[in-house]
Amino acid sequence: MGKHVGYNYTTVAVSPYGDHWRNLRRIGTLEIFSTSRLNAFSGIRKDEIKRLLRKLSRNSLDGFAKVDLVFSELTSNIIMRMLAGKRYYGDEVSDEEEARRLREIVKEANAYGGAANPGDFLPVLNWFGKDGYEKRVRSLAKRTDAFLQGLIDENRRSKERRNSIMDHLLSLQESQPEYYTDQIIKGFILVLLLAGTETSSVTLEWAMSNLLNHPHILKKLKAELDTQIGQQHLLDEPDLSKLPYLQNIISETLRLYPATPLLVPHYSSDDCTIGGYDVPRGTIVLINAWAIHRDPNLWDDADSFKPERFETDHHEGDQVNKLLPFGLGRRACPGAGLAQRILGLTLGSLVQCFEWERVGEEQVDMTEGRGLTMPKAVPLEAMCKARAIMNSVLSQSIDAI
């Protein structure tokens, strides 16, 4: 994947340490994921969540909602509006065929990513499967590059400036063309699309599933929202700091159901010995965050959903280094701040605006599916009923971004 789809290991996610990676990291930190840049896009996140709430309110007339689908559409719209100023789902859709192509790219990339290729671990297998895995990945890389180049070319042709990430990177290209090449820009767009869409939607689905299976936790969260925010105005990002229990629920969801359970593959930079095993330099290292997060030696009652474990007065609350859904250190996910904003604002708004129940008496199926992002095997369906605050939300006009 890193060779073919990742532009020969030149994207920020898979590039080896060195000057190139440091420059990519600097660009990402300053130009894309800085607090000021994230704040500049807060209106997009707020607007898309309002649209989601309105859609659920219309659907809630019969009480039934396909939660997985609305989460997927929400996160895709947020990321695409940030990247290119366009929506793929709902009202004012830009290009349905383009949306279909992106869905296929993300689906295939998640299927082929991580530890999907046995030949990475037993190279002899590559001799027997030259027309299998690698052929499929080459095909994916070709289609992905055409999709990304199409976005760039469309942006160049457009007379309209959308204040998007792509606008910003292309303006930097004009002043520094030797570094901000099309390939560098496509690499950043690729990482945002693959890391920022399905991971957030899957996490939201797991979080809501856990709340439905633990009504007392859902009730406690609703009480926090009613006390701290009330029913007079819709939750906004500045309010999130007043909602510690909401953050604890998100942390506990990421602990039990990390969106990338094996994180991004690493290489050992030096020879080392771990647990009595000699690990030579250059060895592929997969960090099993799922197993670490459920290790009974690290967590009390490790398999249970208990947001209270992250309370500051709890003995586990200060041990943050064992929670690593976004990785740790220099190679940690640079988009963690964006993900936390999307997760907090979406989950909090859903509980503030709707009463939620399971479809039937039985518990929500929590079986884990297959794939890089560990989706639910059985997509979540739920019953929702609008609360009083939705009358205010429905009366407001959609924000113009």
Protein backbone atom coordinates (compact mmCIF):
# COMPACT_ATOMS: atom_id res chain seq x y z
CA MET A 1 0.00 0.00 0.00
CA GLY A 2 2.70 2.52 0.96
CA LYS A 3 4.63 1.85 -2.24
CA HIS A 4 1.80 2.11 -4.75
CA VAL A 5 -1.05 4.05 -3.11
CA GLY A 6 1.23 6.12 -0.83
CA TYR A 7 3.31 7.53 -3.71
CA ASN A 8 6.34 5.34 -3.01
CA TYR A 9 6.33 5.99 0.75
CA THR A 10 6.26 9.80 0.43
CA THR A 11 3.06 10.64 2.38
CA VAL A 12 3.20 11.82 5.98
CA ALA A 13 1.69 8.53 7.21
CA VAL A 14 4.25 6.16 5.64
CA SER A 15 7.32 8.26 4.84
CA PRO A 16 10.50 7.14 6.69
CA TYR A 17 12.20 9.49 9.15
CA GLY A 18 14.32 12.17 7.51
CA ASP A 19 14.15 15.70 6.15
CA HIS A 20 11.21 14.90 3.87
CA TRP A 21 9.10 13.47 6.70
CA ARG A 22 9.98 16.39 9.00
CA ASN A 23 8.87 18.86 6.33
CA LEU A 24 5.61 16.96 5.81
CA ARG A 25 4.99 16.91 9.54
CA ARG A 26 5.69 20.65 9.75
CA ILE A 27 3.27 21.41 6.90
CA GLY A 28 0.58 19.26 8.47
CA THR A 29 1.04 20.81 11.90
CA LEU A 30 1.11 24.44 10.75
CA GLU A 31 -0.98 24.54 7.60
CA ILE A 32 -3.67 21.89 8.14
CA PHE A 33 -4.08 20.78 11.77
CA SER A 34 -3.15 23.92 13.70
CA THR A 35 -5.70 25.29 16.16
CA SER A 36 -6.31 28.34 13.97
CA ARG A 37 -6.95 26.20 10.88
CA LEU A 38 -9.28 23.87 12.77
CA ASN A 39 -11.14 26.86 14.20
CA ALA A 40 -11.53 28.28 10.69
CA PHE A 41 -13.46 25.15 9.70
CA SER A 42 -15.64 24.99 12.82
CA GLY A 43 -18.59 26.40 10.87
CA ILE A 44 -18.45 23.46 8.48
CA ARG A 45 -18.61 20.94 11.30
CA LYS A 46 -21.46 22.82 12.99
CA ASP A 47 -23.40 23.14 9.74
CA GLU A 48 -23.04 19.46 8.80
CA ILE A 49 -24.15 18.33 12.25
CA LYS A 50 -27.22 20.60 12.00
CA ARG A 51 -28.05 18.97 8.68
CA LEU A 52 -27.65 15.55 10.31
CA LEU A 53 -29.98 16.52 13.16
CA ARG A 54 -32.62 17.76 10.73
CA LYS A 55 -32.40 14.57 8.69
CA LEU A 56 -32.78 12.43 11.81
CA SER A 57 -35.70 14.57 12.95
CA ARG A 58 -37.52 13.96 9.67
CA ASN A 59 -36.76 10.25 9.87
CA SER A 60 -37.70 10.07 13.54
CA LEU A 61 -41.36 10.53 12.66
CA ASP A 62 -41.42 6.74 12.41
CA GLY A 63 -38.72 6.47 15.09
CA PHE A 64 -36.26 4.36 13.09
CA ALA A 65 -32.73 5.38 12.02
CA LYS A 66 -29.92 3.61 10.15
CA VAL A 67 -27.22 5.15 12.28
CA ASP A 68 -24.18 3.77 10.46
CA LEU A 69 -25.21 5.38 7.17
CA VAL A 70 -25.82 8.87 8.56
CA PHE A 71 -22.48 8.82 10.41
CA SER A 72 -20.62 7.82 7.25
CA GLU A 73 -22.27 10.58 5.23
CA LEU A 74 -21.60 13.14 7.98
CA THR A 75 -17.86 12.52 8.25
CA SER A 76 -17.42 12.33 4.46
CA ASN A 77 -19.16 15.68 4.01
CA ILE A 78 -17.11 17.33 6.76
CA ILE A 79 -13.78 16.17 5.36
CA MET A 80 -14.68 16.92 1.72
CA ARG A 81 -15.90 20.43 2.56
CA MET A 82 -12.68 21.09 4.46
CA LEU A 83 -10.60 19.69 1.59
CA ALA A 84 -12.40 20.94 -1.50
CA GLY A 85 -15.51 22.88 -0.47
CA LYS A 86 -18.00 20.31 -1.75
CA ARG A 87 -20.65 17.97 -0.34
CA TYR A 88 -21.25 14.41 -1.52
CA TYR A 89 -24.41 13.53 0.44
CA GLY A 90 -27.74 15.15 1.22
CA ASP A 91 -28.74 18.56 -0.13
CA GLU A 92 -26.59 20.57 -2.52
CA VAL A 93 -24.64 17.50 -3.62
CA SER A 94 -21.75 18.25 -5.97
CA ASP A 95 -21.21 14.99 -7.87
CA GLU A 96 -22.83 11.63 -7.05
CA GLU A 97 -20.49 9.71 -9.37
CA GLU A 98 -17.47 11.28 -7.70
CA ALA A 99 -18.92 10.31 -4.31
CA ARG A 100 -19.32 6.71 -5.49
CA ARG A 101 -15.69 6.60 -6.63
CA LEU A 102 -14.49 7.91 -3.28
CA ARG A 103 -16.55 5.31 -1.39
CA GLU A 104 -14.94 2.53 -3.43
CA ILE A 105 -11.44 3.92 -2.89
CA VAL A 106 -11.88 4.19 0.90
CA LYS A 107 -13.46 0.73 1.10
CA GLU A 108 -10.66 -0.93 -0.87
CA ALA A 109 -7.88 0.96 0.93
CA ASN A 110 -9.22 -0.19 4.29
CA ALA A 111 -9.48 -3.76 3.00
CA TYR A 112 -5.89 -3.81 1.69
CA GLY A 113 -4.26 -1.77 4.45
CA GLY A 114 -2.70 -2.79 7.75
CA ALA A 115 -1.64 -6.43 7.87
CA ALA A 116 -3.70 -7.51 4.86
CA ASN A 117 -0.80 -8.79 2.72
CA PRO A 118 0.80 -12.06 3.95
CA GLY A 119 3.67 -11.39 1.54
CA ASP A 120 4.87 -8.55 3.78
CA PHE A 121 5.71 -11.16 6.42
CA LEU A 122 6.60 -14.16 4.21
CA PRO A 123 8.12 -12.59 1.07
CA VAL A 124 8.26 -15.94 -0.71
CA LEU A 125 4.47 -15.75 -0.99
CA ASN A 126 4.80 -12.77 -3.31
CA TRP A 127 6.26 -15.08 -5.97
CA PHE A 128 3.05 -17.07 -5.97
CA GLY A 129 0.68 -14.13 -5.83
CA LYS A 130 2.10 -11.55 -8.22
CA ASP A 131 -1.23 -11.26 -10.00
CA GLY A 132 -3.21 -11.14 -6.76
CA TYR A 133 -2.70 -8.62 -3.99
CA GLU A 134 -0.17 -6.39 -5.76
CA LYS A 135 -2.22 -6.24 -8.95
CA ARG A 136 -5.28 -5.13 -7.00
CA VAL A 137 -3.27 -2.51 -5.09
CA ARG A 138 -1.76 -1.16 -8.33
CA SER A 139 -5.26 -0.82 -9.76
CA LEU A 140 -6.41 0.98 -6.62
CA ALA A 141 -3.39 3.31 -6.78
CA LYS A 142 -4.14 4.24 -10.39
CA ARG A 143 -7.79 5.04 -9.64
CA THR A 144 -6.88 6.90 -6.46
CA ASP A 145 -4.32 9.09 -8.21
CA ALA A 146 -6.81 9.91 -10.99
CA PHE A 147 -9.43 10.87 -8.39
CA LEU A 148 -7.03 13.11 -6.44
CA GLN A 149 -5.59 14.74 -9.56
CA GLY A 150 -9.15 15.42 -10.71
CA LEU A 151 -9.84 17.31 -7.48
CA ILE A 152 -6.71 19.42 -7.96
CA ASP A 153 -7.44 20.15 -11.63
CA GLU A 154 -11.04 21.09 -10.82
CA ASN A 155 -9.83 23.48 -8.14
CA ARG A 156 -7.37 25.11 -10.54
CA ARG A 157 -10.08 25.63 -13.16
CA SER A 158 -12.55 27.10 -10.70
CA LYS A 159 -12.82 30.87 -10.40
CA GLU A 160 -14.41 30.48 -6.96
CA ARG A 161 -12.19 30.47 -3.89
CA ARG A 162 -13.66 28.19 -1.21
CA ASN A 163 -11.18 28.76 1.63
CA SER A 164 -10.48 25.03 1.55
CA ILE A 165 -7.33 23.11 2.46
CA MET A 166 -6.71 22.51 -1.23
CA ASP A 167 -7.04 26.24 -1.96
CA HIS A 168 -4.45 26.90 0.72
CA LEU A 169 -1.98 24.25 -0.47
CA LEU A 170 -2.27 25.38 -4.09
CA SER A 171 -1.60 28.98 -3.05
CA LEU A 172 1.55 27.76 -1.31
CA GLN A 173 2.44 25.92 -4.50
CA GLU A 174 2.49 29.23 -6.38
CA SER A 175 5.15 30.63 -4.05
CA GLN A 176 7.11 27.38 -3.49
CA PRO A 177 6.47 25.19 -6.56
CA GLU A 178 9.63 23.16 -6.04
CA TYR A 179 8.26 21.69 -2.81
CA TYR A 180 4.45 21.94 -2.96
CA THR A 181 4.21 19.66 -5.96
CA ASP A 182 0.96 18.04 -7.05
CA GLN A 183 2.22 14.75 -5.59
CA ILE A 184 2.84 16.29 -2.16
CA ILE A 185 -0.63 17.86 -2.19
CA LYS A 186 -2.26 14.61 -3.34
CA GLY A 187 -0.48 12.80 -0.52
CA PHE A 188 -1.97 15.12 2.10
CA ILE A 189 -5.45 14.85 0.59
CA LEU A 190 -5.14 11.06 0.50
CA VAL A 191 -4.18 10.80 4.18
CA LEU A 192 -7.06 13.07 5.21
CA LEU A 193 -9.60 11.10 3.18
CA LEU A 194 -8.45 7.68 4.39
CA ALA A 195 -7.75 8.61 8.00
CA GLY A 196 -10.49 11.17 8.57
CA THR A 197 -13.69 9.68 7.19
CA GLU A 198 -14.36 6.07 8.13
CA THR A 199 -12.38 6.14 11.38
CA SER A 200 -14.60 8.86 12.88
CA SER A 201 -17.86 7.36 11.61
CA VAL A 202 -16.96 3.91 12.95
CA THR A 203 -16.05 5.38 16.36
CA LEU A 204 -19.37 7.25 16.53
CA GLU A 205 -21.22 4.02 15.73
CA TRP A 206 -19.39 2.11 18.47
CA ALA A 207 -20.02 4.94 20.96
CA MET A 208 -23.75 5.05 20.27
CA SER A 209 -23.95 1.26 20.42
CA ASN A 210 -22.37 1.29 23.86
CA LEU A 211 -24.72 4.02 25.09
CA LEU A 212 -27.75 2.02 23.92
CA ASN A 213 -26.46 -1.07 25.72
CA HIS A 214 -25.80 0.94 28.90
CA PRO A 215 -28.89 3.15 29.45
CA HIS A 216 -27.62 4.40 32.81
CA ILE A 217 -24.54 5.87 31.09
CA LEU A 218 -26.71 7.45 28.41
CA LYS A 219 -28.92 8.94 31.15
CA LYS A 220 -25.89 10.35 32.98
CA LEU A 221 -24.58 11.93 29.77
CA LYS A 222 -27.97 13.49 29.04
CA ALA A 223 -28.05 14.92 32.56
CA GLU A 224 -24.61 16.47 32.06
CA LEU A 225 -25.73 18.04 28.78
CA ASP A 226 -28.98 19.35 30.27
CA THR A 227 -27.15 20.83 33.26
CA GLN A 228 -24.17 22.35 31.46
CA ILE A 229 -25.73 23.29 28.10
CA GLY A 230 -29.50 23.12 28.57
CA GLN A 231 -32.17 23.15 25.87
CA GLN A 232 -31.87 26.81 24.91
CA HIS A 233 -29.00 26.53 22.44
CA LEU A 234 -27.38 23.78 20.43
CA LEU A 235 -24.07 22.39 21.69
CA ASP A 236 -21.05 24.12 20.13
CA GLU A 237 -17.35 23.30 20.17
CA PRO A 238 -16.43 25.84 22.89
CA ASP A 239 -18.91 24.01 25.17
CA LEU A 240 -17.02 20.71 24.97
CA SER A 241 -14.61 21.70 27.75
CA LYS A 242 -17.60 21.79 30.14
CA LEU A 243 -18.52 18.17 29.40
CA PRO A 244 -15.95 15.84 31.01
CA TYR A 245 -18.28 12.84 31.08
CA LEU A 246 -18.83 13.13 27.33
CA GLN A 247 -15.05 13.06 26.85
CA ASN A 248 -14.77 10.06 29.17
CA ILE A 249 -17.31 8.19 27.03
CA ILE A 250 -15.31 8.96 23.90
CA SER A 251 -12.07 7.85 25.56
CA GLU A 252 -13.65 4.60 26.74
CA THR A 253 -15.03 3.96 23.25
CA LEU A 254 -11.58 4.51 21.74
CA ARG A 255 -10.10 2.19 24.36
CA LEU A 256 -12.38 -0.75 23.63
CA TYR A 257 -12.87 -0.11 19.91
CA PRO A 258 -9.85 1.76 18.50
CA ALA A 259 -10.64 2.78 14.92
CA THR A 260 -7.23 1.48 13.78
CA PRO A 261 -6.61 -1.46 16.14
CA LEU A 262 -3.11 -2.18 14.77
CA LEU A 263 -2.28 1.52 14.29
CA VAL A 264 -0.14 2.44 11.27
CA PRO A 265 2.65 -0.13 10.66
CA HIS A 266 6.05 0.99 11.95
CA TYR A 267 9.67 -0.09 11.41
CA SER A 268 12.19 -0.63 14.20
CA SER A 269 14.85 2.06 13.78
CA ASP A 270 17.54 0.10 15.67
CA ASP A 271 18.27 -3.42 16.86
CA CYS A 272 16.49 -4.02 20.15
CA THR A 273 15.27 -6.74 22.49
CA ILE A 274 11.64 -6.79 23.64
CA GLY A 275 10.30 -9.42 26.00
CA GLY A 276 13.30 -11.63 25.33
CA TYR A 277 12.91 -11.42 21.54
CA ASP A 278 15.64 -9.91 19.35
CA VAL A 279 14.10 -7.43 16.91
CA PRO A 280 16.52 -6.45 14.10
CA ARG A 281 16.60 -2.95 12.67
CA GLY A 282 14.11 -2.53 9.80
CA THR A 283 11.59 -5.06 11.12
CA ILE A 284 7.92 -4.28 10.46
CA VAL A 285 6.32 -3.50 13.82
CA LEU A 286 2.56 -3.73 14.33
CA ILE A 287 1.32 -2.19 17.59
CA ASN A 288 -1.79 -3.99 18.77
CA ALA A 289 -3.64 -1.13 20.43
CA TRP A 290 -6.74 -3.33 20.77
CA ALA A 291 -4.82 -5.83 22.94
CA ILE A 292 -3.07 -3.13 24.99
CA HIS A 293 -6.40 -1.44 25.68
CA ARG A 294 -7.87 -4.70 26.97
CA ASP A 295 -4.87 -5.90 28.96
CA PRO A 296 -6.12 -6.82 32.47
CA ASN A 297 -2.67 -5.95 33.83
CA LEU A 298 -3.21 -2.36 32.74
CA TRP A 299 -6.95 -1.86 33.19
CA ASP A 300 -9.40 -2.86 35.90
CA ASP A 301 -12.32 -4.87 34.50
CA ALA A 302 -10.70 -4.39 31.10
CA ASP A 303 -13.52 -5.70 28.90
CA SER A 304 -16.27 -3.61 30.50
CA PHE A 305 -17.49 -0.23 29.23
CA LYS A 306 -16.79 2.12 32.17
CA PRO A 307 -16.27 5.79 31.26
CA GLU A 308 -15.72 6.59 34.95
CA ARG A 309 -12.26 5.03 34.74
CA PHE A 310 -11.06 8.25 33.05
CA GLU A 311 -12.27 10.59 35.79
CA THR A 312 -9.40 12.59 37.25
CA ASP A 313 -10.05 11.36 40.79
CA HIS A 314 -10.02 7.73 39.61
CA HIS A 315 -6.74 5.86 39.97
CA GLU A 316 -6.67 5.10 36.24
CA GLY A 317 -7.46 8.65 35.16
CA ASP A 318 -3.86 9.90 35.05
CA GLN A 319 -2.43 6.92 33.16
CA VAL A 320 -3.03 8.36 29.68
CA ASN A 321 0.01 6.76 28.06
CA LYS A 322 -1.67 3.37 27.97
CA LEU A 323 -4.49 4.82 25.85
CA LEU A 324 -3.12 5.09 22.32
CA PRO A 325 -5.90 5.09 19.69
CA PHE A 326 -3.99 7.81 17.80
CA GLY A 327 -0.52 6.40 18.47
CA LEU A 328 2.19 8.09 20.54
CA GLY A 329 5.29 10.17 19.97
CA ARG A 330 6.46 11.73 16.73
CA ARG A 331 4.41 9.37 14.56
CA ALA A 332 1.15 9.96 16.42
CA CYS A 333 -1.84 10.87 14.26
CA PRO A 334 -1.66 14.62 13.54
CA GLY A 335 -5.44 14.71 13.05
CA ALA A 336 -6.30 13.63 16.61
CA GLY A 337 -7.52 17.13 17.51
CA LEU A 338 -9.87 17.23 14.53
CA ALA A 339 -11.21 13.77 15.34
CA GLN A 340 -11.91 14.73 18.96
CA ARG A 341 -13.87 17.80 17.84
CA ILE A 342 -15.98 15.80 15.39
CA LEU A 343 -16.64 13.01 17.90
CA GLY A 344 -17.49 15.32 20.80
CA LEU A 345 -19.74 17.70 18.90
CA THR A 346 -21.59 14.94 17.05
CA LEU A 347 -22.18 12.58 19.96
CA GLY A 348 -23.09 15.40 22.33
CA SER A 349 -25.54 16.94 19.84
CA LEU A 350 -27.26 13.61 19.21
CA VAL A 351 -27.89 13.05 22.92
CA GLN A 352 -28.88 16.68 23.51
CA CYS A 353 -31.45 16.64 20.70
CA PHE A 354 -32.91 13.11 20.75
CA GLU A 355 -34.15 10.37 23.05
CA TRP A 356 -32.45 7.12 22.01
CA GLU A 357 -33.53 3.51 22.47
CA ARG A 358 -32.66 0.12 21.05
CA VAL A 359 -34.88 -1.23 18.27
CA GLY A 360 -35.89 -4.22 20.39
CA GLU A 361 -35.37 -5.66 23.85
CA GLU A 362 -32.19 -7.50 22.89
CA GLN A 363 -28.78 -5.90 23.32
CA VAL A 364 -27.08 -4.21 20.37
CA ASP A 365 -24.80 -6.75 18.67
CA MET A 366 -21.21 -5.72 19.47
CA THR A 367 -19.47 -8.24 17.20
CA GLU A 368 -16.41 -6.74 15.53
CA GLY A 369 -16.19 -6.89 11.75
CA ARG A 370 -13.15 -7.25 9.52
CA GLY A 371 -11.15 -4.39 8.09
CA LEU A 372 -8.47 -1.83 8.88
CA THR A 373 -10.90 0.34 10.87
CA MET A 374 -12.68 -2.51 12.73
CA PRO A 375 -16.28 -1.71 11.76
CA LYS A 376 -19.25 -3.32 13.48
CA ALA A 377 -20.18 -6.65 11.93
CA VAL A 378 -23.86 -5.73 12.25
CA PRO A 379 -24.57 -2.07 11.34
CA LEU A 380 -26.31 -0.09 14.07
CA GLU A 381 -30.02 0.64 13.85
CA ALA A 382 -31.79 2.56 16.59
CA MET A 383 -34.99 4.35 17.58
CA CYS A 384 -34.84 8.10 18.16
CA LYS A 385 -37.37 10.72 19.18
CA ALA A 386 -36.75 14.46 18.90
CA ARG A 387 -36.47 16.46 22.13
CA ALA A 388 -37.79 20.00 22.59
CA ILE A 389 -34.59 21.68 21.42
CA MET A 390 -35.15 20.32 17.90
CA ASN A 391 -37.94 22.88 17.43
CA SER A 392 -35.28 25.58 17.68
CA VAL A 393 -32.84 23.73 15.41
CA LEU A 394 -35.51 23.21 12.75
CA SER A 395 -36.45 26.89 12.78
CA GLN A 396 -32.88 28.04 12.12
CA SER A 397 -31.52 28.46 8.61
CA ILE A 398 -28.60 26.34 7.50
CA ASP A 399 -25.39 28.29 7.97
CA ALA A 400 -23.76 29.72 4.87
CA ILE A 401 -20.11 28.76 4.89
